[in-house]
Amino acid sequence: MRHRKAAEVIPFLSTYIAKREQEIAEIEQMVERYEKRRLQEERSYQSMSALRRLLSGKKPAHHLAVEYIHYVKRPMEKVRQLRNEIEQASAILNTADPSAIVAVSSDMEDELKS
């Protein structure tokens, strides 16, 4: 965390928040696509005849668990982190005094520099 004047950060915050919200939307869309694909795979497996089911096999449960962690759990943790950043940025944006010193996260600092 670094400290900067609110006046230096305020002009940049609306684009920062919009960018983070876009990132959240993309992640949620990816998770939704994965869940839709999983449901479709499960439906197609259930609709197979018993013999085909026996021959085709189903993914082992631990594979499904690893997929869930990779495609759902970790991305949703990232979404929570991004939402916290948005809350922090909104709090700075709602600061009434532009001459106040505010704490800026390292991610926000990197975005400010670029």
Protein backbone atom coordinates (compact mmCIF):
# COMPACT_ATOMS: atom_id res chain seq x y z
CA MET A 1 0.00 0.00 0.00
CA ARG A 2 1.22 3.43 -0.94
CA HIS A 3 -0.18 6.76 0.03
CA ARG A 4 -1.10 9.42 -2.51
CA LYS A 5 -3.25 12.50 -2.64
CA ALA A 6 -6.84 11.78 -3.61
CA ALA A 7 -6.66 14.45 -6.35
CA GLU A 8 -3.94 12.43 -8.16
CA VAL A 9 -6.00 9.26 -8.14
CA ILE A 10 -9.62 10.41 -8.63
CA PRO A 11 -9.48 11.10 -12.42
CA PHE A 12 -8.19 7.60 -13.05
CA LEU A 13 -10.58 5.70 -10.76
CA SER A 14 -13.66 5.55 -13.00
CA THR A 15 -11.71 3.82 -15.79
CA TYR A 16 -10.05 1.56 -13.22
CA ILE A 17 -13.44 0.52 -11.82
CA ALA A 18 -14.87 -0.03 -15.32
CA LYS A 19 -11.87 -2.16 -16.27
CA ARG A 20 -12.23 -4.30 -13.14
CA GLU A 21 -15.98 -4.73 -13.72
CA GLN A 22 -15.27 -5.84 -17.29
CA GLU A 23 -12.74 -8.37 -15.98
CA ILE A 24 -15.31 -9.69 -13.49
CA ALA A 25 -17.90 -10.06 -16.27
CA GLU A 26 -15.43 -12.02 -18.43
CA ILE A 27 -14.54 -14.37 -15.57
CA GLU A 28 -18.19 -14.97 -14.69
CA GLN A 29 -18.93 -15.66 -18.35
CA MET A 30 -16.09 -18.22 -18.48
CA VAL A 31 -17.43 -19.97 -15.36
CA GLU A 32 -20.93 -19.99 -16.84
CA ARG A 33 -19.66 -21.56 -20.09
CA TYR A 34 -17.84 -24.27 -18.11
CA GLU A 35 -20.93 -25.09 -16.03
CA LYS A 36 -23.09 -25.20 -19.16
CA ARG A 37 -20.60 -27.56 -20.85
CA ARG A 38 -20.50 -29.83 -17.76
CA LEU A 39 -24.31 -30.04 -17.69
CA GLN A 40 -24.37 -30.87 -21.39
CA GLU A 41 -21.75 -33.61 -20.94
CA GLU A 42 -23.70 -35.06 -18.01
CA ARG A 43 -26.97 -35.01 -19.98
CA SER A 44 -25.40 -36.70 -22.99
CA TYR A 45 -23.84 -39.36 -20.75
CA GLN A 46 -27.19 -40.05 -19.05
CA SER A 47 -28.98 -40.32 -22.40
CA MET A 48 -26.61 -43.05 -23.66
CA SER A 49 -27.65 -46.66 -23.61
CA ALA A 50 -26.27 -48.82 -20.80
CA LEU A 51 -23.83 -50.55 -23.15
CA ARG A 52 -22.48 -47.28 -24.56
CA ARG A 53 -22.14 -45.88 -21.04
CA LEU A 54 -20.16 -48.95 -20.06
CA LEU A 55 -17.85 -48.56 -23.06
CA SER A 56 -17.41 -44.79 -23.00
CA GLY A 57 -16.80 -44.40 -19.29
CA LYS A 58 -17.19 -41.31 -17.21
CA LYS A 59 -14.54 -38.92 -15.94
CA PRO A 60 -13.31 -39.97 -12.51
CA ALA A 61 -14.62 -37.84 -9.63
CA HIS A 62 -11.17 -36.50 -8.79
CA HIS A 63 -10.82 -35.21 -12.38
CA LEU A 64 -14.11 -33.40 -11.99
CA ALA A 65 -12.91 -31.94 -8.69
CA VAL A 66 -9.70 -30.64 -10.28
CA GLU A 67 -11.70 -29.17 -13.18
CA TYR A 68 -14.03 -27.47 -10.71
CA ILE A 69 -11.11 -25.93 -8.84
CA HIS A 70 -9.51 -24.75 -12.08
CA TYR A 71 -12.61 -23.45 -13.85
CA VAL A 72 -14.82 -22.29 -10.96
CA LYS A 73 -13.19 -21.95 -7.55
CA ARG A 74 -10.01 -20.05 -8.46
CA PRO A 75 -11.73 -17.69 -10.92
CA MET A 76 -14.40 -16.88 -8.33
CA GLU A 77 -11.67 -16.13 -5.78
CA LYS A 78 -10.25 -13.71 -8.34
CA VAL A 79 -13.72 -12.15 -8.71
CA ARG A 80 -13.92 -11.62 -4.94
CA GLN A 81 -10.49 -9.97 -5.00
CA LEU A 82 -11.53 -7.70 -7.88
CA ARG A 83 -14.74 -6.74 -6.09
CA ASN A 84 -12.70 -5.78 -3.02
CA GLU A 85 -10.49 -3.60 -5.23
CA ILE A 86 -13.61 -1.95 -6.70
CA GLU A 87 -14.95 -1.27 -3.20
CA GLN A 88 -11.64 0.28 -2.21
CA ALA A 89 -11.57 2.43 -5.37
CA SER A 90 -15.18 3.52 -4.81
CA ALA A 91 -14.36 4.52 -1.25
CA ILE A 92 -11.52 6.70 -2.54
CA LEU A 93 -13.80 8.12 -5.24
CA ASN A 94 -16.38 9.06 -2.61
CA THR A 95 -13.78 10.93 -0.55
CA ALA A 96 -15.04 14.48 -0.28
CA ASP A 97 -11.63 16.09 0.23
CA PRO A 98 -9.33 15.89 -2.86
CA SER A 99 -6.35 16.99 -0.76
CA ALA A 100 -6.75 14.01 1.59
CA ILE A 101 -4.07 11.34 1.59
CA VAL A 102 -5.45 7.93 0.58
CA ALA A 103 -3.97 4.43 0.62
CA VAL A 104 -3.54 2.99 -2.87
CA SER A 105 -3.03 -0.75 -3.49
CA SER A 106 -0.03 -1.94 -5.49
CA ASP A 107 -2.32 -3.02 -8.38
CA MET A 108 -3.88 0.42 -8.50
CA GLU A 109 -0.42 1.99 -8.33
CA ASP A 110 0.73 -0.10 -11.31
CA GLU A 111 -2.36 0.92 -13.30
CA LEU A 112 -1.73 4.57 -12.42
CA LYS A 113 1.82 4.44 -13.78
CA SER A 114 0.83 2.86 -17.10
